[in-house]
Amino acid sequence: MSVSYTIGEVAAITHLSIPTIRYYDKEGLIPDLQKDQAGARCFTAQNLSALEMINCLKTAGMSIKDIRTFMQWNLEGDATLTKRLNFFNQLHTAVENQMKQLEQTLNTIEYKQHYYRQAVADGTEKYVKTGTAHTAATANEQDR
């Protein structure tokens, strides 16, 4: 007999909310998800794997429609292997581009952190904006 998990257990394992898991089920994204006599979802290891893949694709920015297409291709078997490879090749390129954009964003954030650390240390933005360093030693020299 195979092990099955409740929706609460699946939520804890996958770090997805129960409403999100229910939504994915309603959208037909979790193949072969069974329900017990009371109508409660009974998740298998295969269903957990599907949820992990859905979560990965969602994190990569994939739409529910495209995830549904991919999940359908999985059900169709070997006839869709080339489609699935192409899908992941395109996804790889898209994620690489996102990472480049995030790297640029991180660089801007780090610059601003440095900018504001210096402004706080100086007690003003005046010196940071002009690109001149202002320290206690510089202030003493200017006062002489």
Protein backbone atom coordinates (compact mmCIF):
# COMPACT_ATOMS: atom_id res chain seq x y z
CA MET A 1 0.00 0.00 0.00
CA SER A 2 1.37 3.42 -0.95
CA VAL A 3 1.77 6.25 1.52
CA SER A 4 -0.65 9.14 1.17
CA TYR A 5 -0.57 12.61 2.66
CA THR A 6 -3.29 15.01 3.71
CA ILE A 7 -3.43 18.49 2.28
CA GLY A 8 -2.12 19.87 5.58
CA GLU A 9 0.87 17.55 5.49
CA VAL A 10 1.51 18.50 1.87
CA ALA A 11 1.34 22.19 2.75
CA ALA A 12 3.94 21.67 5.48
CA ILE A 13 6.20 19.62 3.20
CA THR A 14 6.01 21.91 0.16
CA HIS A 15 5.70 25.25 1.99
CA LEU A 16 2.68 26.03 -0.18
CA SER A 17 -0.53 27.28 1.37
CA ILE A 18 -3.58 25.04 1.46
CA PRO A 19 -5.55 27.48 -0.76
CA THR A 20 -2.70 27.45 -3.29
CA ILE A 21 -2.68 23.65 -3.38
CA ARG A 22 -6.47 23.61 -3.82
CA TYR A 23 -6.13 26.17 -6.62
CA TYR A 24 -3.53 24.05 -8.41
CA ASP A 25 -5.87 21.07 -8.11
CA LYS A 26 -8.83 23.04 -9.48
CA GLU A 27 -6.65 24.15 -12.39
CA GLY A 28 -5.88 20.52 -13.17
CA LEU A 29 -2.17 20.83 -12.52
CA ILE A 30 -1.79 17.84 -10.17
CA PRO A 31 -2.08 14.66 -12.24
CA ASP A 32 -3.86 11.63 -10.78
CA LEU A 33 -4.80 13.31 -7.51
CA GLN A 34 -7.25 11.02 -5.74
CA LYS A 35 -9.90 11.81 -3.16
CA ASP A 36 -11.16 9.61 -0.37
CA GLN A 37 -14.83 8.74 0.24
CA ALA A 38 -15.31 11.99 2.17
CA GLY A 39 -13.86 14.02 -0.73
CA ALA A 40 -10.57 14.85 0.97
CA ARG A 41 -7.55 14.96 -1.30
CA CYS A 42 -5.08 12.09 -0.82
CA PHE A 43 -1.61 13.02 -2.07
CA THR A 44 1.00 10.49 -3.17
CA ALA A 45 4.74 10.90 -3.60
CA GLN A 46 4.04 11.43 -7.32
CA ASN A 47 1.63 14.27 -6.48
CA LEU A 48 4.28 15.82 -4.22
CA SER A 49 6.78 15.69 -7.10
CA ALA A 50 4.23 17.38 -9.34
CA LEU A 51 3.73 20.15 -6.77
CA GLU A 52 7.49 20.64 -6.48
CA MET A 53 7.69 21.02 -10.27
CA ILE A 54 4.73 23.41 -10.32
CA ASN A 55 6.36 25.47 -7.58
CA CYS A 56 9.66 25.55 -9.51
CA LEU A 57 7.95 26.65 -12.72
CA LYS A 58 5.88 29.25 -10.88
CA THR A 59 9.01 30.63 -9.20
CA ALA A 60 10.63 30.87 -12.64
CA GLY A 61 7.73 33.11 -13.71
CA MET A 62 5.77 30.56 -15.69
CA SER A 63 2.04 31.16 -16.17
CA ILE A 64 -0.56 28.66 -14.97
CA LYS A 65 -1.54 28.10 -18.60
CA ASP A 66 2.04 27.15 -19.56
CA ILE A 67 2.42 24.96 -16.47
CA ARG A 68 -0.81 23.18 -17.41
CA THR A 69 0.58 22.58 -20.91
CA PHE A 70 3.80 21.16 -19.50
CA MET A 71 1.94 18.89 -17.07
CA GLN A 72 -0.23 17.64 -19.95
CA TRP A 73 2.89 16.87 -21.99
CA ASN A 74 4.14 14.76 -19.07
CA LEU A 75 0.94 12.73 -19.17
CA GLU A 76 1.32 12.22 -22.93
CA GLY A 77 4.64 10.47 -22.39
CA ASP A 78 7.62 10.02 -24.67
CA ALA A 79 5.94 11.61 -27.69
CA THR A 80 6.44 15.01 -26.04
CA LEU A 81 10.06 14.65 -24.91
CA THR A 82 11.34 17.13 -27.51
CA LYS A 83 8.62 19.64 -26.58
CA ARG A 84 9.57 19.34 -22.91
CA LEU A 85 13.27 19.76 -23.67
CA ASN A 86 12.53 22.89 -25.73
CA PHE A 87 10.30 24.14 -22.92
CA PHE A 88 13.17 23.88 -20.44
CA ASN A 89 15.68 25.34 -22.88
CA GLN A 90 13.48 28.44 -23.23
CA LEU A 91 12.86 28.55 -19.49
CA HIS A 92 16.60 28.36 -18.83
CA THR A 93 17.22 31.37 -21.06
CA ALA A 94 14.40 33.32 -19.41
CA VAL A 95 15.70 32.57 -15.91
CA GLU A 96 19.24 33.55 -16.91
CA ASN A 97 17.88 36.89 -18.15
CA GLN A 98 15.97 37.36 -14.90
CA MET A 99 19.14 36.65 -12.96
CA LYS A 100 21.05 39.28 -14.97
CA GLN A 101 18.32 41.80 -14.23
CA LEU A 102 18.38 40.87 -10.55
CA GLU A 103 22.18 41.23 -10.49
CA GLN A 104 21.82 44.76 -11.88
CA THR A 105 19.15 45.49 -9.28
CA LEU A 106 21.38 44.15 -6.52
CA ASN A 107 24.26 46.35 -7.73
CA THR A 108 22.00 49.41 -7.53
CA ILE A 109 20.84 48.46 -4.04
CA GLU A 110 24.41 47.95 -2.86
CA TYR A 111 25.42 51.33 -4.30
CA LYS A 112 22.53 53.00 -2.48
CA GLN A 113 23.44 51.22 0.74
CA HIS A 114 26.95 52.65 0.49
CA TYR A 115 25.56 56.08 -0.44
CA TYR A 116 23.21 56.23 2.55
CA ARG A 117 25.76 54.77 4.99
CA GLN A 118 28.09 57.63 4.05
CA ALA A 119 25.28 60.21 4.21
CA VAL A 120 24.28 58.97 7.67
CA ALA A 121 27.91 59.06 8.81
CA ASP A 122 28.24 62.65 7.48
CA GLY A 123 24.83 63.67 8.80
CA THR A 124 23.93 65.01 5.34
CA GLU A 125 23.74 64.03 1.69
CA LYS A 126 25.61 67.20 0.69
CA TYR A 127 29.03 65.53 0.53
CA VAL A 128 27.86 62.28 -1.00
CA LYS A 129 26.01 64.10 -3.81
CA THR A 130 29.11 66.09 -4.72
CA GLY A 131 31.31 63.02 -4.50
CA THR A 132 33.57 64.50 -1.84
CA ALA A 133 34.38 62.54 1.23
CA HIS A 134 33.60 64.22 4.50
CA THR A 135 35.06 62.92 7.69
CA ALA A 136 35.84 64.43 11.04
CA ALA A 137 39.43 64.98 9.85
CA THR A 138 38.23 66.78 6.73
CA ALA A 139 35.93 68.97 8.84
CA ASN A 140 38.82 69.90 11.13
CA GLU A 141 41.01 70.82 8.14
CA GLN A 142 38.22 72.99 6.70
CA ASP A 143 37.81 74.77 10.03
CA ARG A 144 41.48 75.82 10.13
